[in-house]
Amino acid sequence: MAELGVSSETLAEKTGIPWGSLRNAIAGRDPLRLPRIYDLGRLLARDGEPAREVVADIVGDNNGGLPDPPPDQTKPKPKPERRKEPAEKGPRRPVRGAA
């Protein structure tokens, strides 16, 4: 994007990718699906450059390896277990109007 002087808003408009999704993908918070990556590759490819090379640059890191795995997600706390035996009953209330 920087080499071509294209903003993320322009890329979002031309590819149909929502700007928030594109912004999150650029920041590494949320991955894009492969068809959208190819849309970006076609748009960012220079004259005569195959889109698959741009896609490889998007998907791979600068060393030619695979992209970093996503960060570990925190697991929710387990819910406390329910009581298995019934709770003790307290004293009974007197019934009104009964003699």
PDB file of N, CA and C in Angstrom:
ATOM      1  N   MET A   1       0.823  -1.186   0.000  1.00  0.00           N
ATOM      2  CA  MET A   1       0.000   0.000   0.000  1.00  0.00           C
ATOM      3  C   MET A   1       0.869   1.251   0.000  1.00  0.00           C
ATOM      4  N   ALA A   2       1.906   1.239   0.844  1.00  0.00           N
ATOM      5  CA  ALA A   2       2.755   2.422   0.944  1.00  0.00           C
ATOM      6  C   ALA A   2       3.508   2.682  -0.362  1.00  0.00           C
ATOM      7  N   GLU A   3       3.995   1.616  -1.004  1.00  0.00           N
ATOM      8  CA  GLU A   3       4.735   1.786  -2.250  1.00  0.00           C
ATOM      9  C   GLU A   3       3.872   2.384  -3.347  1.00  0.00           C
ATOM     10  N   LEU A   4       2.600   2.010  -3.364  1.00  0.00           N
ATOM     11  CA  LEU A   4       1.690   2.502  -4.404  1.00  0.00           C
ATOM     12  C   LEU A   4       0.964   3.776  -3.982  1.00  0.00           C
ATOM     13  N   GLY A   5       1.103   4.164  -2.716  1.00  0.00           N
ATOM     14  CA  GLY A   5       0.435   5.366  -2.237  1.00  0.00           C
ATOM     15  C   GLY A   5      -1.081   5.203  -2.155  1.00  0.00           C
ATOM     16  N   VAL A   6      -1.524   4.004  -1.796  1.00  0.00           N
ATOM     17  CA  VAL A   6      -2.956   3.715  -1.706  1.00  0.00           C
ATOM     18  C   VAL A   6      -3.336   3.633  -0.237  1.00  0.00           C
ATOM     19  N   SER A   7      -4.431   4.292   0.114  1.00  0.00           N
ATOM     20  CA  SER A   7      -4.883   4.257   1.512  1.00  0.00           C
ATOM     21  C   SER A   7      -5.763   3.034   1.746  1.00  0.00           C
ATOM     22  N   SER A   8      -5.946   2.678   3.007  1.00  0.00           N
ATOM     23  CA  SER A   8      -6.795   1.533   3.329  1.00  0.00           C
ATOM     24  C   SER A   8      -8.253   1.816   2.971  1.00  0.00           C
ATOM     25  N   GLU A   9      -8.665   3.083   3.067  1.00  0.00           N
ATOM     26  CA  GLU A   9     -10.032   3.433   2.681  1.00  0.00           C
ATOM     27  C   GLU A   9     -10.264   3.200   1.188  1.00  0.00           C
ATOM     28  N   THR A  10      -9.276   3.559   0.376  1.00  0.00           N
ATOM     29  CA  THR A  10      -9.374   3.356  -1.075  1.00  0.00           C
ATOM     30  C   THR A  10      -9.410   1.870  -1.399  1.00  0.00           C
ATOM     31  N   LEU A  11      -8.552   1.096  -0.739  1.00  0.00           N
ATOM     32  CA  LEU A  11      -8.553  -0.353  -0.964  1.00  0.00           C
ATOM     33  C   LEU A  11      -9.899  -0.956  -0.587  1.00  0.00           C
ATOM     34  N   ALA A  12     -10.449  -0.510   0.522  1.00  0.00           N
ATOM     35  CA  ALA A  12     -11.742  -1.034   0.967  1.00  0.00           C
ATOM     36  C   ALA A  12     -12.826  -0.729  -0.064  1.00  0.00           C
ATOM     37  N   GLU A  13     -12.821   0.475  -0.588  1.00  0.00           N
ATOM     38  CA  GLU A  13     -13.825   0.853  -1.596  1.00  0.00           C
ATOM     39  C   GLU A  13     -13.690   0.016  -2.865  1.00  0.00           C
ATOM     40  N   LYS A  14     -12.459  -0.126  -3.359  1.00  0.00           N
ATOM     41  CA  LYS A  14     -12.248  -0.793  -4.639  1.00  0.00           C
ATOM     42  C   LYS A  14     -12.415  -2.308  -4.566  1.00  0.00           C
ATOM     43  N   THR A  15     -12.177  -2.907  -3.400  1.00  0.00           N
ATOM     44  CA  THR A  15     -12.291  -4.364  -3.281  1.00  0.00           C
ATOM     45  C   THR A  15     -13.626  -4.808  -2.701  1.00  0.00           C
ATOM     46  N   GLY A  16     -14.358  -3.892  -2.071  1.00  0.00           N
ATOM     47  CA  GLY A  16     -15.623  -4.274  -1.451  1.00  0.00           C
ATOM     48  C   GLY A  16     -15.455  -4.863  -0.064  1.00  0.00           C
ATOM     49  N   ILE A  17     -14.242  -4.822   0.462  1.00  0.00           N
ATOM     50  CA  ILE A  17     -13.981  -5.311   1.821  1.00  0.00           C
ATOM     51  C   ILE A  17     -14.349  -4.185   2.785  1.00  0.00           C
ATOM     52  N   PRO A  18     -15.133  -4.473   3.820  1.00  0.00           N
ATOM     53  CA  PRO A  18     -15.438  -3.412   4.786  1.00  0.00           C
ATOM     54  C   PRO A  18     -14.143  -2.837   5.378  1.00  0.00           C
ATOM     55  N   TRP A  19     -14.120  -1.519   5.561  1.00  0.00           N
ATOM     56  CA  TRP A  19     -12.896  -0.860   6.006  1.00  0.00           C
ATOM     57  C   TRP A  19     -12.455  -1.379   7.366  1.00  0.00           C
ATOM     58  N   GLY A  20     -13.382  -1.649   8.282  1.00  0.00           N
ATOM     59  CA  GLY A  20     -13.023  -2.165   9.603  1.00  0.00           C
ATOM     60  C   GLY A  20     -12.353  -3.523   9.511  1.00  0.00           C
ATOM     61  N   SER A  21     -12.848  -4.380   8.627  1.00  0.00           N
ATOM     62  CA  SER A  21     -12.240  -5.702   8.445  1.00  0.00           C
ATOM     63  C   SER A  21     -10.838  -5.581   7.870  1.00  0.00           C
ATOM     64  N   LEU A  22     -10.680  -4.675   6.912  1.00  0.00           N
ATOM     65  CA  LEU A  22      -9.365  -4.466   6.309  1.00  0.00           C
ATOM     66  C   LEU A  22      -8.390  -3.892   7.332  1.00  0.00           C
ATOM     67  N   ARG A  23      -8.849  -2.931   8.115  1.00  0.00           N
ATOM     68  CA  ARG A  23      -8.011  -2.327   9.154  1.00  0.00           C
ATOM     69  C   ARG A  23      -7.567  -3.386  10.168  1.00  0.00           C
ATOM     70  N   ASN A  24      -8.490  -4.254  10.595  1.00  0.00           N
ATOM     71  CA  ASN A  24      -8.142  -5.306  11.552  1.00  0.00           C
ATOM     72  C   ASN A  24      -7.164  -6.308  10.950  1.00  0.00           C
ATOM     73  N   ALA A  25      -7.311  -6.604   9.662  1.00  0.00           N
ATOM     74  CA  ALA A  25      -6.393  -7.534   9.003  1.00  0.00           C
ATOM     75  C   ALA A  25      -4.994  -6.927   8.899  1.00  0.00           C
ATOM     76  N   ILE A  26      -4.919  -5.658   8.586  1.00  0.00           N
ATOM     77  CA  ILE A  26      -3.613  -4.993   8.475  1.00  0.00           C
ATOM     78  C   ILE A  26      -2.919  -4.967   9.827  1.00  0.00           C
ATOM     79  N   ALA A  27      -3.690  -4.771  10.892  1.00  0.00           N
ATOM     80  CA  ALA A  27      -3.129  -4.725  12.239  1.00  0.00           C
ATOM     81  C   ALA A  27      -2.826  -6.114  12.789  1.00  0.00           C
ATOM     82  N   GLY A  28      -3.259  -7.169  12.081  1.00  0.00           N
ATOM     83  CA  GLY A  28      -2.988  -8.530  12.535  1.00  0.00           C
ATOM     84  C   GLY A  28      -3.980  -9.051  13.558  1.00  0.00           C
ATOM     85  N   ARG A  29      -5.108  -8.366  13.714  1.00  0.00           N
ATOM     86  CA  ARG A  29      -6.095  -8.802  14.702  1.00  0.00           C
ATOM     87  C   ARG A  29      -7.101  -9.791  14.144  1.00  0.00           C
ATOM     88  N   ASP A  30      -7.333  -9.767  12.843  1.00  0.00           N
ATOM     89  CA  ASP A  30      -8.367 -10.605  12.253  1.00  0.00           C
ATOM     90  C   ASP A  30      -7.949 -10.986  10.834  1.00  0.00           C
ATOM     91  N   PRO A  31      -7.854 -12.279  10.521  1.00  0.00           N
ATOM     92  CA  PRO A  31      -7.395 -12.665   9.184  1.00  0.00           C
ATOM     93  C   PRO A  31      -8.478 -12.466   8.135  1.00  0.00           C
ATOM     94  N   LEU A  32      -8.029 -12.267   6.910  1.00  0.00           N
ATOM     95  CA  LEU A  32      -8.946 -12.194   5.767  1.00  0.00           C
ATOM     96  C   LEU A  32      -9.018 -13.564   5.115  1.00  0.00           C
ATOM     97  N   ARG A  33     -10.136 -13.844   4.488  1.00  0.00           N
ATOM     98  CA  ARG A  33     -10.275 -15.096   3.743  1.00  0.00           C
ATOM     99  C   ARG A  33      -9.547 -14.957   2.406  1.00  0.00           C
ATOM    100  N   LEU A  34      -9.174 -16.102   1.853  1.00  0.00           N
ATOM    101  CA  LEU A  34      -8.346 -16.126   0.648  1.00  0.00           C
ATOM    102  C   LEU A  34      -8.953 -15.376  -0.536  1.00  0.00           C
ATOM    103  N   PRO A  35     -10.268 -15.482  -0.814  1.00  0.00           N
ATOM    104  CA  PRO A  35     -10.795 -14.711  -1.949  1.00  0.00           C
ATOM    105  C   PRO A  35     -10.590 -13.202  -1.791  1.00  0.00           C
ATOM    106  N   ARG A  36     -10.709 -12.702  -0.581  1.00  0.00           N
ATOM    107  CA  ARG A  36     -10.481 -11.263  -0.362  1.00  0.00           C
ATOM    108  C   ARG A  36      -9.010 -10.907  -0.504  1.00  0.00           C
ATOM    109  N   ILE A  37      -8.141 -11.822  -0.102  1.00  0.00           N
ATOM    110  CA  ILE A  37      -6.702 -11.577  -0.266  1.00  0.00           C
ATOM    111  C   ILE A  37      -6.359 -11.504  -1.754  1.00  0.00           C
ATOM    112  N   TYR A  38      -6.983 -12.365  -2.560  1.00  0.00           N
ATOM    113  CA  TYR A  38      -6.741 -12.305  -4.011  1.00  0.00           C
ATOM    114  C   TYR A  38      -7.293 -11.008  -4.603  1.00  0.00           C
ATOM    115  N   ASP A  39      -8.424 -10.525  -4.089  1.00  0.00           N
ATOM    116  CA  ASP A  39      -8.934  -9.222  -4.552  1.00  0.00           C
ATOM    117  C   ASP A  39      -7.908  -8.129  -4.278  1.00  0.00           C
ATOM    118  N   LEU A  40      -7.322  -8.168  -3.079  1.00  0.00           N
ATOM    119  CA  LEU A  40      -6.270  -7.187  -2.747  1.00  0.00           C
ATOM    120  C   LEU A  40      -5.058  -7.365  -3.661  1.00  0.00           C
ATOM    121  N   GLY A  41      -4.670  -8.624  -3.905  1.00  0.00           N
ATOM    122  CA  GLY A  41      -3.511  -8.900  -4.762  1.00  0.00           C
ATOM    123  C   GLY A  41      -3.694  -8.368  -6.168  1.00  0.00           C
ATOM    124  N   ARG A  42      -4.899  -8.547  -6.719  1.00  0.00           N
ATOM    125  CA  ARG A  42      -5.172  -8.038  -8.071  1.00  0.00           C
ATOM    126  C   ARG A  42      -5.092  -6.517  -8.109  1.00  0.00           C
ATOM    127  N   LEU A  43      -5.566  -5.893  -7.053  1.00  0.00           N
ATOM    128  CA  LEU A  43      -5.574  -4.426  -7.026  1.00  0.00           C
ATOM    129  C   LEU A  43      -4.166  -3.852  -6.801  1.00  0.00           C
ATOM    130  N   LEU A  44      -3.376  -4.532  -5.971  1.00  0.00           N
ATOM    131  CA  LEU A  44      -2.045  -4.011  -5.631  1.00  0.00           C
ATOM    132  C   LEU A  44      -0.942  -4.451  -6.600  1.00  0.00           C
ATOM    133  N   ALA A  45      -1.244  -5.382  -7.517  1.00  0.00           N
ATOM    134  CA  ALA A  45      -0.224  -5.857  -8.455  1.00  0.00           C
ATOM    135  C   ALA A  45       0.172  -4.738  -9.409  1.00  0.00           C
ATOM    136  N   ARG A  46       1.472  -4.607  -9.611  1.00  0.00           N
ATOM    137  CA  ARG A  46       1.967  -3.620 -10.582  1.00  0.00           C
ATOM    138  C   ARG A  46       1.769  -4.164 -11.984  1.00  0.00           C
ATOM    139  N   ASP A  47       1.945  -3.344 -12.971  1.00  0.00           N
ATOM    140  CA  ASP A  47       1.779  -3.771 -14.368  1.00  0.00           C
ATOM    141  C   ASP A  47       2.690  -4.949 -14.669  1.00  0.00           C
ATOM    142  N   GLY A  48       2.097  -6.034 -15.156  1.00  0.00           N
ATOM    143  CA  GLY A  48       2.866  -7.213 -15.531  1.00  0.00           C
ATOM    144  C   GLY A  48       3.189  -8.139 -14.373  1.00  0.00           C
ATOM    145  N   GLU A  49       2.917  -7.744 -13.157  1.00  0.00           N
ATOM    146  CA  GLU A  49       3.218  -8.590 -11.997  1.00  0.00           C
ATOM    147  C   GLU A  49       2.018  -9.497 -11.727  1.00  0.00           C
ATOM    148  N   PRO A  50       2.253 -10.802 -11.584  1.00  0.00           N
ATOM    149  CA  PRO A  50       1.134 -11.692 -11.296  1.00  0.00           C
ATOM    150  C   PRO A  50       0.556 -11.422  -9.903  1.00  0.00           C
ATOM    151  N   ALA A  51      -0.760 -11.495  -9.804  1.00  0.00           N
ATOM    152  CA  ALA A  51      -1.423 -11.243  -8.521  1.00  0.00           C
ATOM    153  C   ALA A  51      -0.996 -12.263  -7.472  1.00  0.00           C
ATOM    154  N   ARG A  52      -0.650 -13.486  -7.908  1.00  0.00           N
ATOM    155  CA  ARG A  52      -0.276 -14.511  -6.921  1.00  0.00           C
ATOM    156  C   ARG A  52       1.005 -14.143  -6.180  1.00  0.00           C
ATOM    157  N   GLU A  53       1.909 -13.380  -6.801  1.00  0.00           N
ATOM    158  CA  GLU A  53       3.118 -12.939  -6.101  1.00  0.00           C
ATOM    159  C   GLU A  53       2.778 -11.931  -5.010  1.00  0.00           C
ATOM    160  N   VAL A  54       1.830 -11.056  -5.292  1.00  0.00           N
ATOM    161  CA  VAL A  54       1.392 -10.087  -4.294  1.00  0.00           C
ATOM    162  C   VAL A  54       0.681 -10.820  -3.158  1.00  0.00           C
ATOM    163  N   VAL A  55      -0.129 -11.831  -3.517  1.00  0.00           N
ATOM    164  CA  VAL A  55      -0.823 -12.622  -2.503  1.00  0.00           C
ATOM    165  C   VAL A  55       0.195 -13.334  -1.619  1.00  0.00           C
ATOM    166  N   ALA A  56       1.258 -13.873  -2.219  1.00  0.00           N
ATOM    167  CA  ALA A  56       2.305 -14.542  -1.435  1.00  0.00           C
ATOM    168  C   ALA A  56       2.969 -13.556  -0.479  1.00  0.00           C
ATOM    169  N   ASP A  57       3.145 -12.313  -0.914  1.00  0.00           N
ATOM    170  CA  ASP A  57       3.718 -11.301  -0.028  1.00  0.00           C
ATOM    171  C   ASP A  57       2.759 -10.961   1.105  1.00  0.00           C
ATOM    172  N   ILE A  58       1.461 -10.950   0.810  1.00  0.00           N
ATOM    173  CA  ILE A  58       0.474 -10.634   1.841  1.00  0.00           C
ATOM    174  C   ILE A  58       0.405 -11.758   2.868  1.00  0.00           C
ATOM    175  N   VAL A  59       0.379 -12.996   2.390  1.00  0.00           N
ATOM    176  CA  VAL A  59       0.199 -14.141   3.283  1.00  0.00           C
ATOM    177  C   VAL A  59       1.482 -14.498   4.015  1.00  0.00           C
ATOM    178  N   GLY A  60       2.630 -14.430   3.346  1.00  0.00           N
ATOM    179  CA  GLY A  60       3.894 -14.804   3.963  1.00  0.00           C
ATOM    180  C   GLY A  60       4.537 -13.645   4.684  1.00  0.00           C
ATOM    181  N   ASP A  61       5.584 -13.952   5.455  1.00  0.00           N
ATOM    182  CA  ASP A  61       6.330 -12.882   6.113  1.00  0.00           C
ATOM    183  C   ASP A  61       7.498 -12.461   5.228  1.00  0.00           C
ATOM    184  N   ASN A  62       8.300 -11.539   5.679  1.00  0.00           N
ATOM    185  CA  ASN A  62       9.403 -11.016   4.860  1.00  0.00           C
ATOM    186  C   ASN A  62      10.504 -12.044   4.622  1.00  0.00           C
ATOM    187  N   ASN A  63      10.544 -13.109   5.437  1.00  0.00           N
ATOM    188  CA  ASN A  63      11.572 -14.131   5.268  1.00  0.00           C
ATOM    189  C   ASN A  63      11.109 -15.267   4.361  1.00  0.00           C
ATOM    190  N   GLY A  64       9.945 -15.147   3.761  1.00  0.00           N
ATOM    191  CA  GLY A  64       9.446 -16.186   2.877  1.00  0.00           C
ATOM    192  C   GLY A  64       8.772 -17.327   3.613  1.00  0.00           C
ATOM    193  N   GLY A  65       8.605 -17.213   4.914  1.00  0.00           N
ATOM    194  CA  GLY A  65       7.974 -18.271   5.692  1.00  0.00           C
ATOM    195  C   GLY A  65       6.480 -18.072   5.818  1.00  0.00           C
ATOM    196  N   LEU A  66       5.902 -18.859   6.674  1.00  0.00           N
ATOM    197  CA  LEU A  66       4.469 -18.768   6.902  1.00  0.00           C
ATOM    198  C   LEU A  66       4.156 -17.605   7.833  1.00  0.00           C
ATOM    199  N   PRO A  67       2.918 -17.100   7.782  1.00  0.00           N
ATOM    200  CA  PRO A  67       2.560 -16.020   8.689  1.00  0.00           C
ATOM    201  C   PRO A  67       2.536 -16.497  10.133  1.00  0.00           C
ATOM    202  N   ASP A  68       2.673 -15.555  11.048  1.00  0.00           N
ATOM    203  CA  ASP A  68       2.653 -15.890  12.466  1.00  0.00           C
ATOM    204  C   ASP A  68       1.292 -16.455  12.848  1.00  0.00           C
ATOM    205  N   PRO A  69       1.273 -17.405  13.798  1.00  0.00           N
ATOM    206  CA  PRO A  69      -0.013 -17.923  14.249  1.00  0.00           C
ATOM    207  C   PRO A  69      -0.764 -16.848  15.021  1.00  0.00           C
ATOM    208  N   PRO A  70      -2.094 -16.966  15.098  1.00  0.00           N
ATOM    209  CA  PRO A  70      -2.853 -15.972  15.853  1.00  0.00           C
ATOM    210  C   PRO A  70      -2.522 -16.060  17.337  1.00  0.00           C
ATOM    211  N   PRO A  71      -2.697 -14.978  18.077  1.00  0.00           N
ATOM    212  CA  PRO A  71      -2.389 -15.011  19.506  1.00  0.00           C
ATOM    213  C   PRO A  71      -3.341 -15.949  20.242  1.00  0.00           C
ATOM    214  N   ASP A  72      -2.853 -16.500  21.361  1.00  0.00           N
ATOM    215  CA  ASP A  72      -3.696 -17.376  22.161  1.00  0.00           C
ATOM    216  C   ASP A  72      -4.875 -16.588  22.713  1.00  0.00           C
ATOM    217  N   GLN A  73      -6.030 -17.207  22.660  1.00  0.00           N
ATOM    218  CA  GLN A  73      -7.229 -16.578  23.181  1.00  0.00           C
ATOM    219  C   GLN A  73      -7.378 -16.964  24.652  1.00  0.00           C
ATOM    220  N   THR A  74      -7.813 -16.030  25.456  1.00  0.00           N
ATOM    221  CA  THR A  74      -8.052 -16.355  26.857  1.00  0.00           C
ATOM    222  C   THR A  74      -9.324 -17.181  26.952  1.00  0.00           C
ATOM    223  N   LYS A  75      -9.295 -18.183  27.817  1.00  0.00           N
ATOM    224  CA  LYS A  75     -10.445 -19.055  27.968  1.00  0.00           C
ATOM    225  C   LYS A  75     -11.354 -18.486  29.049  1.00  0.00           C
ATOM    226  N   PRO A  76     -12.672 -18.596  28.852  1.00  0.00           N
ATOM    227  CA  PRO A  76     -13.583 -18.087  29.872  1.00  0.00           C
ATOM    228  C   PRO A  76     -13.494 -18.917  31.142  1.00  0.00           C
ATOM    229  N   LYS A  77     -13.782 -18.275  32.269  1.00  0.00           N
ATOM    230  CA  LYS A  77     -13.759 -18.983  33.548  1.00  0.00           C
ATOM    231  C   LYS A  77     -14.884 -20.017  33.565  1.00  0.00           C
ATOM    232  N   PRO A  78     -14.617 -21.193  34.135  1.00  0.00           N
ATOM    233  CA  PRO A  78     -15.690 -22.184  34.198  1.00  0.00           C
ATOM    234  C   PRO A  78     -16.770 -21.738  35.183  1.00  0.00           C
ATOM    235  N   LYS A  79     -18.009 -22.125  34.899  1.00  0.00           N
ATOM    236  CA  LYS A  79     -19.110 -21.780  35.779  1.00  0.00           C
ATOM    237  C   LYS A  79     -19.036 -22.655  37.025  1.00  0.00           C
ATOM    238  N   PRO A  80     -19.430 -22.109  38.172  1.00  0.00           N
ATOM    239  CA  PRO A  80     -19.397 -22.934  39.377  1.00  0.00           C
ATOM    240  C   PRO A  80     -20.415 -24.076  39.266  1.00  0.00           C
ATOM    241  N   GLU A  81     -20.065 -25.185  39.904  1.00  0.00           N
ATOM    242  CA  GLU A  81     -20.957 -26.343  39.849  1.00  0.00           C
ATOM    243  C   GLU A  81     -22.197 -26.086  40.696  1.00  0.00           C
ATOM    244  N   ARG A  82     -23.311 -26.671  40.276  1.00  0.00           N
ATOM    245  CA  ARG A  82     -24.545 -26.555  41.030  1.00  0.00           C
ATOM    246  C   ARG A  82     -24.531 -27.547  42.191  1.00  0.00           C
ATOM    247  N   ARG A  83     -25.326 -27.220  43.183  1.00  0.00           N
ATOM    248  CA  ARG A  83     -25.435 -28.153  44.308  1.00  0.00           C
ATOM    249  C   ARG A  83     -26.100 -29.434  43.850  1.00  0.00           C
ATOM    250  N   LYS A  84     -25.606 -30.519  44.369  1.00  0.00           N
ATOM    251  CA  LYS A  84     -26.181 -31.799  43.983  1.00  0.00           C
ATOM    252  C   LYS A  84     -27.252 -32.243  44.968  1.00  0.00           C
ATOM    253  N   GLU A  85     -27.124 -31.868  46.248  1.00  0.00           N
ATOM    254  CA  GLU A  85     -28.150 -32.233  47.223  1.00  0.00           C
ATOM    255  C   GLU A  85     -29.039 -31.027  47.470  1.00  0.00           C
ATOM    256  N   PRO A  86     -30.300 -31.253  47.781  1.00  0.00           N
ATOM    257  CA  PRO A  86     -31.204 -30.119  48.003  1.00  0.00           C
ATOM    258  C   PRO A  86     -30.804 -29.332  49.248  1.00  0.00           C
ATOM    259  N   ALA A  87     -31.053 -28.055  49.200  1.00  0.00           N
ATOM    260  CA  ALA A  87     -30.723 -27.195  50.341  1.00  0.00           C
ATOM    261  C   ALA A  87     -31.678 -27.491  51.492  1.00  0.00           C
ATOM    262  N   GLU A  88     -31.202 -27.254  52.702  1.00  0.00           N
ATOM    263  CA  GLU A  88     -32.066 -27.470  53.867  1.00  0.00           C
ATOM    264  C   GLU A  88     -33.174 -26.436  53.869  1.00  0.00           C
ATOM    265  N   LYS A  89     -34.368 -26.881  54.319  1.00  0.00           N
ATOM    266  CA  LYS A  89     -35.493 -25.968  54.391  1.00  0.00           C
ATOM    267  C   LYS A  89     -35.505 -25.322  55.775  1.00  0.00           C
ATOM    268  N   GLY A  90     -35.905 -24.084  55.824  1.00  0.00           N
ATOM    269  CA  GLY A  90     -36.007 -23.361  57.082  1.00  0.00           C
ATOM    270  C   GLY A  90     -37.345 -23.642  57.764  1.00  0.00           C
ATOM    271  N   PRO A  91     -37.622 -22.945  58.842  1.00  0.00           N
ATOM    272  CA  PRO A  91     -38.902 -23.164  59.550  1.00  0.00           C
ATOM    273  C   PRO A  91     -40.077 -22.749  58.657  1.00  0.00           C
ATOM    274  N   ARG A  92     -41.170 -23.423  58.820  1.00  0.00           N
ATOM    275  CA  ARG A  92     -42.365 -23.134  58.020  1.00  0.00           C
ATOM    276  C   ARG A  92     -43.072 -21.924  58.591  1.00  0.00           C
ATOM    277  N   ARG A  93     -43.620 -21.139  57.722  1.00  0.00           N
ATOM    278  CA  ARG A  93     -44.387 -19.961  58.131  1.00  0.00           C
ATOM    279  C   ARG A  93     -45.815 -20.393  58.478  1.00  0.00           C
ATOM    280  N   PRO A  94     -46.403 -19.750  59.441  1.00  0.00           N
ATOM    281  CA  PRO A  94     -47.790 -20.099  59.734  1.00  0.00           C
ATOM    282  C   PRO A  94     -48.692 -19.613  58.616  1.00  0.00           C
ATOM    283  N   VAL A  95     -49.739 -20.350  58.337  1.00  0.00           N
ATOM    284  CA  VAL A  95     -50.687 -19.996  57.301  1.00  0.00           C
ATOM    285  C   VAL A  95     -51.671 -18.997  57.883  1.00  0.00           C
ATOM    286  N   ARG A  96     -51.900 -17.886  57.213  1.00  0.00           N
ATOM    287  CA  ARG A  96     -52.822 -16.866  57.700  1.00  0.00           C
ATOM    288  C   ARG A  96     -54.275 -17.364  57.585  1.00  0.00           C
ATOM    289  N   GLY A  97     -55.038 -16.970  58.528  1.00  0.00           N
ATOM    290  CA  GLY A  97     -56.451 -17.311  58.499  1.00  0.00           C
ATOM    291  C   GLY A  97     -56.741 -18.715  58.992  1.00  0.00           C
ATOM    292  N   ALA A  98     -55.727 -19.498  59.250  1.00  0.00           N
ATOM    293  CA  ALA A  98     -55.967 -20.854  59.764  1.00  0.00           C
ATOM    294  C   ALA A  98     -56.047 -20.768  61.288  1.00  0.00           C
ATOM    295  N   ALA A  99     -56.937 -21.535  61.861  1.00  0.00           N
ATOM    296  CA  ALA A  99     -57.093 -21.469  63.318  1.00  0.00           C
ATOM    297  C   ALA A  99     -56.426 -22.623  63.991  1.00  0.00           C
TER     298      ALA A  99
END
